[in-house]
Amino acid sequence: MLKLYEHPLFNGERFGWGDLSVYPYVAGSTGHGVAPRADSRLSAWLGRVSQRDSVAQCAAAAMDALPDSRTLGRSSSKGCSCASTATTAWNG
């Protein structure tokens, strides 16, 4: 069994489904003021994963898809297929 404190990512050395599955929850919690301690392993992991091009692109697309005060109540034509974006660039 891999241990996060021994490896940079949940899958060991490679970005994988564990990272892809956990990232939205950890990143989302930071937006609600529940960030991991700055000196924690989880914070270091979040920094590494956030720097991946596929994750950064998806996070930006997700932010763009959020309604602002002018479009609240209307559906947005923008969207993000984060899982497909990240999976496509899995080895990148």
PDB file of N, CA and C in Angstrom:
ATOM      1  N   MET A   1       0.840  -1.182   0.000  1.00  0.00           N
ATOM      2  CA  MET A   1       0.000   0.000   0.000  1.00  0.00           C
ATOM      3  C   MET A   1       0.886   1.246   0.000  1.00  0.00           C
ATOM      4  N   LEU A   2       0.552   2.181  -0.898  1.00  0.00           N
ATOM      5  CA  LEU A   2       1.308   3.426  -0.971  1.00  0.00           C
ATOM      6  C   LEU A   2       0.899   4.354   0.163  1.00  0.00           C
ATOM      7  N   LYS A   3       1.851   5.087   0.654  1.00  0.00           N
ATOM      8  CA  LYS A   3       1.580   6.072   1.702  1.00  0.00           C
ATOM      9  C   LYS A   3       1.903   7.444   1.137  1.00  0.00           C
ATOM     10  N   LEU A   4       0.951   8.370   1.256  1.00  0.00           N
ATOM     11  CA  LEU A   4       1.109   9.694   0.661  1.00  0.00           C
ATOM     12  C   LEU A   4       2.381  10.384   1.137  1.00  0.00           C
ATOM     13  N   TYR A   5       2.751  10.170   2.390  1.00  0.00           N
ATOM     14  CA  TYR A   5       3.932  10.860   2.889  1.00  0.00           C
ATOM     15  C   TYR A   5       5.225  10.319   2.299  1.00  0.00           C
ATOM     16  N   GLU A   6       5.164   9.165   1.620  1.00  0.00           N
ATOM     17  CA  GLU A   6       6.359   8.606   0.983  1.00  0.00           C
ATOM     18  C   GLU A   6       6.421   8.919  -0.509  1.00  0.00           C
ATOM     19  N   HIS A   7       5.330   9.433  -1.075  1.00  0.00           N
ATOM     20  CA  HIS A   7       5.235   9.683  -2.509  1.00  0.00           C
ATOM     21  C   HIS A   7       4.599  11.040  -2.764  1.00  0.00           C
ATOM     22  N   PRO A   8       4.895  11.633  -3.921  1.00  0.00           N
ATOM     23  CA  PRO A   8       4.349  12.963  -4.199  1.00  0.00           C
ATOM     24  C   PRO A   8       2.859  12.973  -4.552  1.00  0.00           C
ATOM     25  N   LEU A   9       2.325  11.838  -5.004  1.00  0.00           N
ATOM     26  CA  LEU A   9       0.929  11.766  -5.431  1.00  0.00           C
ATOM     27  C   LEU A   9       0.273  10.529  -4.842  1.00  0.00           C
ATOM     28  N   PHE A  10      -1.044  10.473  -4.873  1.00  0.00           N
ATOM     29  CA  PHE A  10      -1.748   9.330  -4.301  1.00  0.00           C
ATOM     30  C   PHE A  10      -1.387   8.026  -5.007  1.00  0.00           C
ATOM     31  N   ASN A  11      -1.110   8.079  -6.297  1.00  0.00           N
ATOM     32  CA  ASN A  11      -0.747   6.889  -7.063  1.00  0.00           C
ATOM     33  C   ASN A  11       0.748   6.594  -6.997  1.00  0.00           C
ATOM     34  N   GLY A  12       1.467   7.303  -6.230  1.00  0.00           N
ATOM     35  CA  GLY A  12       2.920   7.129  -6.167  1.00  0.00           C
ATOM     36  C   GLY A  12       3.593   8.276  -6.884  1.00  0.00           C
ATOM     37  N   GLU A  13       4.208   7.952  -8.008  1.00  0.00           N
ATOM     38  CA  GLU A  13       4.931   8.959  -8.786  1.00  0.00           C
ATOM     39  C   GLU A  13       4.085   9.540  -9.914  1.00  0.00           C
ATOM     40  N   ARG A  14       2.950   8.898 -10.227  1.00  0.00           N
ATOM     41  CA  ARG A  14       2.127   9.316 -11.359  1.00  0.00           C
ATOM     42  C   ARG A  14       0.782   9.860 -10.895  1.00  0.00           C
ATOM     43  N   PHE A  15       0.317  10.892 -11.572  1.00  0.00           N
ATOM     44  CA  PHE A  15      -1.000  11.459 -11.334  1.00  0.00           C
ATOM     45  C   PHE A  15      -2.034  10.389 -11.683  1.00  0.00           C
ATOM     46  N   GLY A  16      -2.997  10.183 -10.810  1.00  0.00           N
ATOM     47  CA  GLY A  16      -3.969   9.133 -11.060  1.00  0.00           C
ATOM     48  C   GLY A  16      -5.364   9.472 -10.578  1.00  0.00           C
ATOM     49  N   TRP A  17      -6.239   8.445 -10.585  1.00  0.00           N
ATOM     50  CA  TRP A  17      -7.632   8.630 -10.206  1.00  0.00           C
ATOM     51  C   TRP A  17      -7.782   9.127  -8.770  1.00  0.00           C
ATOM     52  N   GLY A  18      -6.919   8.696  -7.881  1.00  0.00           N
ATOM     53  CA  GLY A  18      -6.996   9.174  -6.504  1.00  0.00           C
ATOM     54  C   GLY A  18      -6.819  10.677  -6.427  1.00  0.00           C
ATOM     55  N   ASP A  19      -5.809  11.176  -7.129  1.00  0.00           N
ATOM     56  CA  ASP A  19      -5.550  12.622  -7.161  1.00  0.00           C
ATOM     57  C   ASP A  19      -6.705  13.350  -7.832  1.00  0.00           C
ATOM     58  N   LEU A  20      -7.166  12.794  -8.954  1.00  0.00           N
ATOM     59  CA  LEU A  20      -8.249  13.404  -9.713  1.00  0.00           C
ATOM     60  C   LEU A  20      -9.535  13.451  -8.900  1.00  0.00           C
ATOM     61  N   SER A  21      -9.760  12.435  -8.087  1.00  0.00           N
ATOM     62  CA  SER A  21     -10.985  12.358  -7.293  1.00  0.00           C
ATOM     63  C   SER A  21     -10.955  13.262  -6.065  1.00  0.00           C
ATOM     64  N   VAL A  22      -9.803  13.408  -5.452  1.00  0.00           N
ATOM     65  CA  VAL A  22      -9.688  14.170  -4.205  1.00  0.00           C
ATOM     66  C   VAL A  22      -9.521  15.660  -4.458  1.00  0.00           C
ATOM     67  N   TYR A  23      -8.870  16.024  -5.548  1.00  0.00           N
ATOM     68  CA  TYR A  23      -8.551  17.430  -5.808  1.00  0.00           C
ATOM     69  C   TYR A  23      -9.756  18.373  -5.695  1.00  0.00           C
ATOM     70  N   PRO A  24     -10.902  18.074  -6.353  1.00  0.00           N
ATOM     71  CA  PRO A  24     -12.009  19.040  -6.273  1.00  0.00           C
ATOM     72  C   PRO A  24     -12.477  19.325  -4.841  1.00  0.00           C
ATOM     73  N   TYR A  25     -12.430  18.311  -3.996  1.00  0.00           N
ATOM     74  CA  TYR A  25     -12.896  18.497  -2.617  1.00  0.00           C
ATOM     75  C   TYR A  25     -11.909  19.323  -1.798  1.00  0.00           C
ATOM     76  N   VAL A  26     -10.622  19.027  -1.948  1.00  0.00           N
ATOM     77  CA  VAL A  26      -9.621  19.777  -1.180  1.00  0.00           C
ATOM     78  C   VAL A  26      -9.543  21.217  -1.700  1.00  0.00           C
ATOM     79  N   ALA A  27      -9.523  21.375  -3.019  1.00  0.00           N
ATOM     80  CA  ALA A  27      -9.460  22.723  -3.590  1.00  0.00           C
ATOM     81  C   ALA A  27     -10.728  23.505  -3.242  1.00  0.00           C
ATOM     82  N   GLY A  28     -11.874  22.851  -3.301  1.00  0.00           N
ATOM     83  CA  GLY A  28     -13.128  23.516  -2.960  1.00  0.00           C
ATOM     84  C   GLY A  28     -13.192  23.932  -1.505  1.00  0.00           C
ATOM     85  N   SER A  29     -12.625  23.108  -0.633  1.00  0.00           N
ATOM     86  CA  SER A  29     -12.657  23.455   0.791  1.00  0.00           C
ATOM     87  C   SER A  29     -11.818  24.691   1.073  1.00  0.00           C
ATOM     88  N   THR A  30     -10.755  24.881   0.308  1.00  0.00           N
ATOM     89  CA  THR A  30      -9.935  26.082   0.520  1.00  0.00           C
ATOM     90  C   THR A  30     -10.717  27.327   0.151  1.00  0.00           C
ATOM     91  N   GLY A  31     -11.603  27.209  -0.836  1.00  0.00           N
ATOM     92  CA  GLY A  31     -12.451  28.341  -1.223  1.00  0.00           C
ATOM     93  C   GLY A  31     -13.478  28.695  -0.164  1.00  0.00           C
ATOM     94  N   HIS A  32     -13.720  27.769   0.756  1.00  0.00           N
ATOM     95  CA  HIS A  32     -14.662  28.003   1.849  1.00  0.00           C
ATOM     96  C   HIS A  32     -13.937  28.275   3.170  1.00  0.00           C
ATOM     97  N   GLY A  33     -12.640  28.533   3.079  1.00  0.00           N
ATOM     98  CA  GLY A  33     -11.877  28.887   4.262  1.00  0.00           C
ATOM     99  C   GLY A  33     -11.429  27.709   5.112  1.00  0.00           C
ATOM    100  N   VAL A  34     -11.479  26.508   4.567  1.00  0.00           N
ATOM    101  CA  VAL A  34     -11.059  25.325   5.312  1.00  0.00           C
ATOM    102  C   VAL A  34      -9.834  24.735   4.611  1.00  0.00           C
ATOM    103  N   ALA A  35      -8.783  25.492   4.575  1.00  0.00           N
ATOM    104  CA  ALA A  35      -7.567  25.070   3.887  1.00  0.00           C
ATOM    105  C   ALA A  35      -6.705  24.196   4.785  1.00  0.00           C
ATOM    106  N   PRO A  36      -5.952  23.268   4.164  1.00  0.00           N
ATOM    107  CA  PRO A  36      -5.006  22.499   4.978  1.00  0.00           C
ATOM    108  C   PRO A  36      -3.916  23.424   5.514  1.00  0.00           C
ATOM    109  N   ARG A  37      -3.354  23.064   6.653  1.00  0.00           N
ATOM    110  CA  ARG A  37      -2.253  23.862   7.209  1.00  0.00           C
ATOM    111  C   ARG A  37      -1.156  24.018   6.159  1.00  0.00           C
ATOM    112  N   ALA A  38      -0.551  25.175   6.115  1.00  0.00           N
ATOM    113  CA  ALA A  38       0.456  25.475   5.102  1.00  0.00           C
ATOM    114  C   ALA A  38       1.644  24.521   5.153  1.00  0.00           C
ATOM    115  N   ASP A  39       1.959  23.993   6.318  1.00  0.00           N
ATOM    116  CA  ASP A  39       3.117  23.106   6.443  1.00  0.00           C
ATOM    117  C   ASP A  39       2.727  21.626   6.369  1.00  0.00           C
ATOM    118  N   SER A  40       1.500  21.323   5.946  1.00  0.00           N
ATOM    119  CA  SER A  40       1.043  19.934   5.926  1.00  0.00           C
ATOM    120  C   SER A  40       1.377  19.234   4.611  1.00  0.00           C
ATOM    121  N   ARG A  41       1.371  17.926   4.640  1.00  0.00           N
ATOM    122  CA  ARG A  41       1.587  17.131   3.430  1.00  0.00           C
ATOM    123  C   ARG A  41       0.463  17.354   2.437  1.00  0.00           C
ATOM    124  N   LEU A  42      -0.754  17.512   2.952  1.00  0.00           N
ATOM    125  CA  LEU A  42      -1.902  17.742   2.077  1.00  0.00           C
ATOM    126  C   LEU A  42      -1.758  19.067   1.335  1.00  0.00           C
ATOM    127  N   SER A  43      -1.273  20.076   2.000  1.00  0.00           N
ATOM    128  CA  SER A  43      -1.050  21.362   1.355  1.00  0.00           C
ATOM    129  C   SER A  43       0.028  21.246   0.276  1.00  0.00           C
ATOM    130  N   ALA A  44       1.080  20.505   0.558  1.00  0.00           N
ATOM    131  CA  ALA A  44       2.142  20.295  -0.431  1.00  0.00           C
ATOM    132  C   ALA A  44       1.595  19.530  -1.636  1.00  0.00           C
ATOM    133  N   TRP A  45       0.774  18.509  -1.370  1.00  0.00           N
ATOM    134  CA  TRP A  45       0.153  17.743  -2.455  1.00  0.00           C
ATOM    135  C   TRP A  45      -0.730  18.656  -3.307  1.00  0.00           C
ATOM    136  N   LEU A  46      -1.549  19.481  -2.661  1.00  0.00           N
ATOM    137  CA  LEU A  46      -2.440  20.386  -3.377  1.00  0.00           C
ATOM    138  C   LEU A  46      -1.635  21.322  -4.277  1.00  0.00           C
ATOM    139  N   GLY A  47      -0.529  21.807  -3.794  1.00  0.00           N
ATOM    140  CA  GLY A  47       0.331  22.672  -4.601  1.00  0.00           C
ATOM    141  C   GLY A  47       0.879  21.958  -5.820  1.00  0.00           C
ATOM    142  N   ARG A  48       1.329  20.703  -5.632  1.00  0.00           N
ATOM    143  CA  ARG A  48       1.862  19.932  -6.763  1.00  0.00           C
ATOM    144  C   ARG A  48       0.785  19.666  -7.809  1.00  0.00           C
ATOM    145  N   VAL A  49      -0.383  19.229  -7.355  1.00  0.00           N
ATOM    146  CA  VAL A  49      -1.455  18.881  -8.285  1.00  0.00           C
ATOM    147  C   VAL A  49      -1.985  20.132  -8.982  1.00  0.00           C
ATOM    148  N   SER A  50      -2.067  21.240  -8.272  1.00  0.00           N
ATOM    149  CA  SER A  50      -2.580  22.486  -8.848  1.00  0.00           C
ATOM    150  C   SER A  50      -1.683  23.017  -9.959  1.00  0.00           C
ATOM    151  N   GLN A  51      -0.419  22.644  -9.965  1.00  0.00           N
ATOM    152  CA  GLN A  51       0.520  23.119 -10.971  1.00  0.00           C
ATOM    153  C   GLN A  51       0.461  22.321 -12.270  1.00  0.00           C
ATOM    154  N   ARG A  52      -0.233  21.190 -12.264  1.00  0.00           N
ATOM    155  CA  ARG A  52      -0.377  20.408 -13.491  1.00  0.00           C
ATOM    156  C   ARG A  52      -1.196  21.217 -14.491  1.00  0.00           C
ATOM    157  N   ASP A  53      -0.780  21.209 -15.748  1.00  0.00           N
ATOM    158  CA  ASP A  53      -1.495  21.970 -16.775  1.00  0.00           C
ATOM    159  C   ASP A  53      -2.956  21.546 -16.883  1.00  0.00           C
ATOM    160  N   SER A  54      -3.202  20.239 -16.872  1.00  0.00           N
ATOM    161  CA  SER A  54      -4.584  19.762 -17.028  1.00  0.00           C
ATOM    162  C   SER A  54      -5.465  20.220 -15.878  1.00  0.00           C
ATOM    163  N   VAL A  55      -4.947  20.215 -14.668  1.00  0.00           N
ATOM    164  CA  VAL A  55      -5.725  20.630 -13.501  1.00  0.00           C
ATOM    165  C   VAL A  55      -5.932  22.142 -13.515  1.00  0.00           C
ATOM    166  N   ALA A  56      -4.889  22.888 -13.835  1.00  0.00           N
ATOM    167  CA  ALA A  56      -4.988  24.348 -13.882  1.00  0.00           C
ATOM    168  C   ALA A  56      -5.988  24.792 -14.954  1.00  0.00           C
ATOM    169  N   GLN A  57      -5.975  24.142 -16.119  1.00  0.00           N
ATOM    170  CA  GLN A  57      -6.911  24.488 -17.184  1.00  0.00           C
ATOM    171  C   GLN A  57      -8.341  24.195 -16.763  1.00  0.00           C
ATOM    172  N   CYS A  58      -8.537  23.063 -16.131  1.00  0.00           N
ATOM    173  CA  CYS A  58      -9.878  22.692 -15.704  1.00  0.00           C
ATOM    174  C   CYS A  58     -10.370  23.613 -14.595  1.00  0.00           C
ATOM    175  N   ALA A  59      -9.516  23.952 -13.663  1.00  0.00           N
ATOM    176  CA  ALA A  59      -9.902  24.860 -12.580  1.00  0.00           C
ATOM    177  C   ALA A  59     -10.296  26.218 -13.150  1.00  0.00           C
ATOM    178  N   ALA A  60      -9.544  26.691 -14.142  1.00  0.00           N
ATOM    179  CA  ALA A  60      -9.867  27.978 -14.771  1.00  0.00           C
ATOM    180  C   ALA A  60     -11.206  27.887 -15.500  1.00  0.00           C
ATOM    181  N   ALA A  61     -11.446  26.787 -16.201  1.00  0.00           N
ATOM    182  CA  ALA A  61     -12.716  26.612 -16.917  1.00  0.00           C
ATOM    183  C   ALA A  61     -13.878  26.527 -15.931  1.00  0.00           C
ATOM    184  N   ALA A  62     -13.664  25.860 -14.809  1.00  0.00           N
ATOM    185  CA  ALA A  62     -14.723  25.756 -13.800  1.00  0.00           C
ATOM    186  C   ALA A  62     -15.046  27.129 -13.220  1.00  0.00           C
ATOM    187  N   MET A  63     -14.035  27.933 -12.987  1.00  0.00           N
ATOM    188  CA  MET A  63     -14.274  29.284 -12.472  1.00  0.00           C
ATOM    189  C   MET A  63     -15.019  30.127 -13.507  1.00  0.00           C
ATOM    190  N   ASP A  64     -14.660  29.975 -14.777  1.00  0.00           N
ATOM    191  CA  ASP A  64     -15.348  30.711 -15.836  1.00  0.00           C
ATOM    192  C   ASP A  64     -16.812  30.290 -15.950  1.00  0.00           C
ATOM    193  N   ALA A  65     -17.089  29.033 -15.614  1.00  0.00           N
ATOM    194  CA  ALA A  65     -18.455  28.516 -15.747  1.00  0.00           C
ATOM    195  C   ALA A  65     -19.365  28.954 -14.604  1.00  0.00           C
ATOM    196  N   LEU A  66     -18.776  29.443 -13.521  1.00  0.00           N
ATOM    197  CA  LEU A  66     -19.597  29.897 -12.401  1.00  0.00           C
ATOM    198  C   LEU A  66     -20.388  31.133 -12.802  1.00  0.00           C
ATOM    199  N   PRO A  67     -21.644  31.178 -12.431  1.00  0.00           N
ATOM    200  CA  PRO A  67     -22.428  32.365 -12.775  1.00  0.00           C
ATOM    201  C   PRO A  67     -21.995  33.559 -11.932  1.00  0.00           C
ATOM    202  N   ASP A  68     -21.999  34.717 -12.528  1.00  0.00           N
ATOM    203  CA  ASP A  68     -21.748  35.920 -11.742  1.00  0.00           C
ATOM    204  C   ASP A  68     -23.090  36.587 -11.452  1.00  0.00           C
ATOM    205  N   SER A  69     -23.071  37.691 -10.804  1.00  0.00           N
ATOM    206  CA  SER A  69     -24.320  38.330 -10.375  1.00  0.00           C
ATOM    207  C   SER A  69     -25.200  38.731 -11.558  1.00  0.00           C
ATOM    208  N   ARG A  70     -24.610  38.968 -12.732  1.00  0.00           N
ATOM    209  CA  ARG A  70     -25.408  39.363 -13.897  1.00  0.00           C
ATOM    210  C   ARG A  70     -26.104  38.179 -14.541  1.00  0.00           C
ATOM    211  N   THR A  71     -25.527  36.966 -14.408  1.00  0.00           N
ATOM    212  CA  THR A  71     -26.111  35.806 -15.082  1.00  0.00           C
ATOM    213  C   THR A  71     -26.782  34.850 -14.110  1.00  0.00           C
ATOM    214  N   LEU A  72     -26.830  35.196 -12.851  1.00  0.00           N
ATOM    215  CA  LEU A  72     -27.447  34.320 -11.866  1.00  0.00           C
ATOM    216  C   LEU A  72     -28.890  34.044 -12.256  1.00  0.00           C
ATOM    217  N   GLY A  73     -29.231  32.779 -12.285  1.00  0.00           N
ATOM    218  CA  GLY A  73     -30.584  32.400 -12.656  1.00  0.00           C
ATOM    219  C   GLY A  73     -30.717  32.014 -14.118  1.00  0.00           C
ATOM    220  N   ARG A  74     -29.718  32.332 -14.918  1.00  0.00           N
ATOM    221  CA  ARG A  74     -29.724  31.911 -16.322  1.00  0.00           C
ATOM    222  C   ARG A  74     -28.676  30.830 -16.492  1.00  0.00           C
ATOM    223  N   SER A  75     -28.929  29.885 -17.346  1.00  0.00           N
ATOM    224  CA  SER A  75     -27.950  28.816 -17.537  1.00  0.00           C
ATOM    225  C   SER A  75     -26.762  29.355 -18.316  1.00  0.00           C
ATOM    226  N   SER A  76     -25.614  28.835 -17.999  1.00  0.00           N
ATOM    227  CA  SER A  76     -24.388  29.253 -18.663  1.00  0.00           C
ATOM    228  C   SER A  76     -24.083  28.306 -19.804  1.00  0.00           C
ATOM    229  N   SER A  77     -23.605  28.829 -20.910  1.00  0.00           N
ATOM    230  CA  SER A  77     -23.217  27.972 -22.022  1.00  0.00           C
ATOM    231  C   SER A  77     -21.823  27.412 -21.814  1.00  0.00           C
ATOM    232  N   LYS A  78     -21.114  27.954 -20.849  1.00  0.00           N
ATOM    233  CA  LYS A  78     -19.767  27.471 -20.572  1.00  0.00           C
ATOM    234  C   LYS A  78     -19.853  26.246 -19.684  1.00  0.00           C
ATOM    235  N   GLY A  79     -18.893  25.379 -19.830  1.00  0.00           N
ATOM    236  CA  GLY A  79     -18.879  24.186 -18.998  1.00  0.00           C
ATOM    237  C   GLY A  79     -17.476  23.636 -18.907  1.00  0.00           C
ATOM    238  N   CYS A  80     -17.312  22.651 -18.084  1.00  0.00           N
ATOM    239  CA  CYS A  80     -15.997  22.050 -17.903  1.00  0.00           C
ATOM    240  C   CYS A  80     -16.140  20.550 -17.778  1.00  0.00           C
ATOM    241  N   SER A  81     -15.409  19.855 -18.578  1.00  0.00           N
ATOM    242  CA  SER A  81     -15.371  18.408 -18.433  1.00  0.00           C
ATOM    243  C   SER A  81     -14.042  18.072 -17.783  1.00  0.00           C
ATOM    244  N   CYS A  82     -13.931  18.403 -16.504  1.00  0.00           N
ATOM    245  CA  CYS A  82     -12.671  18.268 -15.787  1.00  0.00           C
ATOM    246  C   CYS A  82     -12.102  16.855 -15.869  1.00  0.00           C
ATOM    247  N   ALA A  83     -12.932  15.858 -15.688  1.00  0.00           N
ATOM    248  CA  ALA A  83     -12.428  14.486 -15.693  1.00  0.00           C
ATOM    249  C   ALA A  83     -11.831  14.155 -17.052  1.00  0.00           C
ATOM    250  N   SER A  84     -12.493  14.533 -18.143  1.00  0.00           N
ATOM    251  CA  SER A  84     -11.944  14.208 -19.456  1.00  0.00           C
ATOM    252  C   SER A  84     -10.707  15.046 -19.744  1.00  0.00           C
ATOM    253  N   THR A  85     -10.689  16.301 -19.314  1.00  0.00           N
ATOM    254  CA  THR A  85      -9.522  17.144 -19.524  1.00  0.00           C
ATOM    255  C   THR A  85      -8.318  16.591 -18.785  1.00  0.00           C
ATOM    256  N   ALA A  86      -8.521  16.255 -17.532  1.00  0.00           N
ATOM    257  CA  ALA A  86      -7.413  15.736 -16.727  1.00  0.00           C
ATOM    258  C   ALA A  86      -6.997  14.363 -17.199  1.00  0.00           C
ATOM    259  N   THR A  87      -7.946  13.526 -17.584  1.00  0.00           N
ATOM    260  CA  THR A  87      -7.616  12.176 -18.023  1.00  0.00           C
ATOM    261  C   THR A  87      -6.863  12.222 -19.342  1.00  0.00           C
ATOM    262  N   THR A  88      -7.247  13.117 -20.228  1.00  0.00           N
ATOM    263  CA  THR A  88      -6.565  13.231 -21.522  1.00  0.00           C
ATOM    264  C   THR A  88      -5.093  13.589 -21.313  1.00  0.00           C
ATOM    265  N   ALA A  89      -4.813  14.431 -20.349  1.00  0.00           N
ATOM    266  CA  ALA A  89      -3.440  14.874 -20.091  1.00  0.00           C
ATOM    267  C   ALA A  89      -2.819  14.106 -18.928  1.00  0.00           C
ATOM    268  N   TRP A  90      -3.342  12.930 -18.646  1.00  0.00           N
ATOM    269  CA  TRP A  90      -2.933  12.130 -17.491  1.00  0.00           C
ATOM    270  C   TRP A  90      -1.427  12.024 -17.367  1.00  0.00           C
ATOM    271  N   ASN A  91      -0.751  11.715 -18.443  1.00  0.00           N
ATOM    272  CA  ASN A  91       0.696  11.488 -18.385  1.00  0.00           C
ATOM    273  C   ASN A  91       1.498  12.738 -18.692  1.00  0.00           C
ATOM    274  N   GLY A  92       0.815  13.857 -18.871  1.00  0.00           N
ATOM    275  CA  GLY A  92       1.507  15.090 -19.271  1.00  0.00           C
ATOM    276  C   GLY A  92       2.214  15.777 -18.157  1.00  0.00           C
TER     277      GLY A  92
END
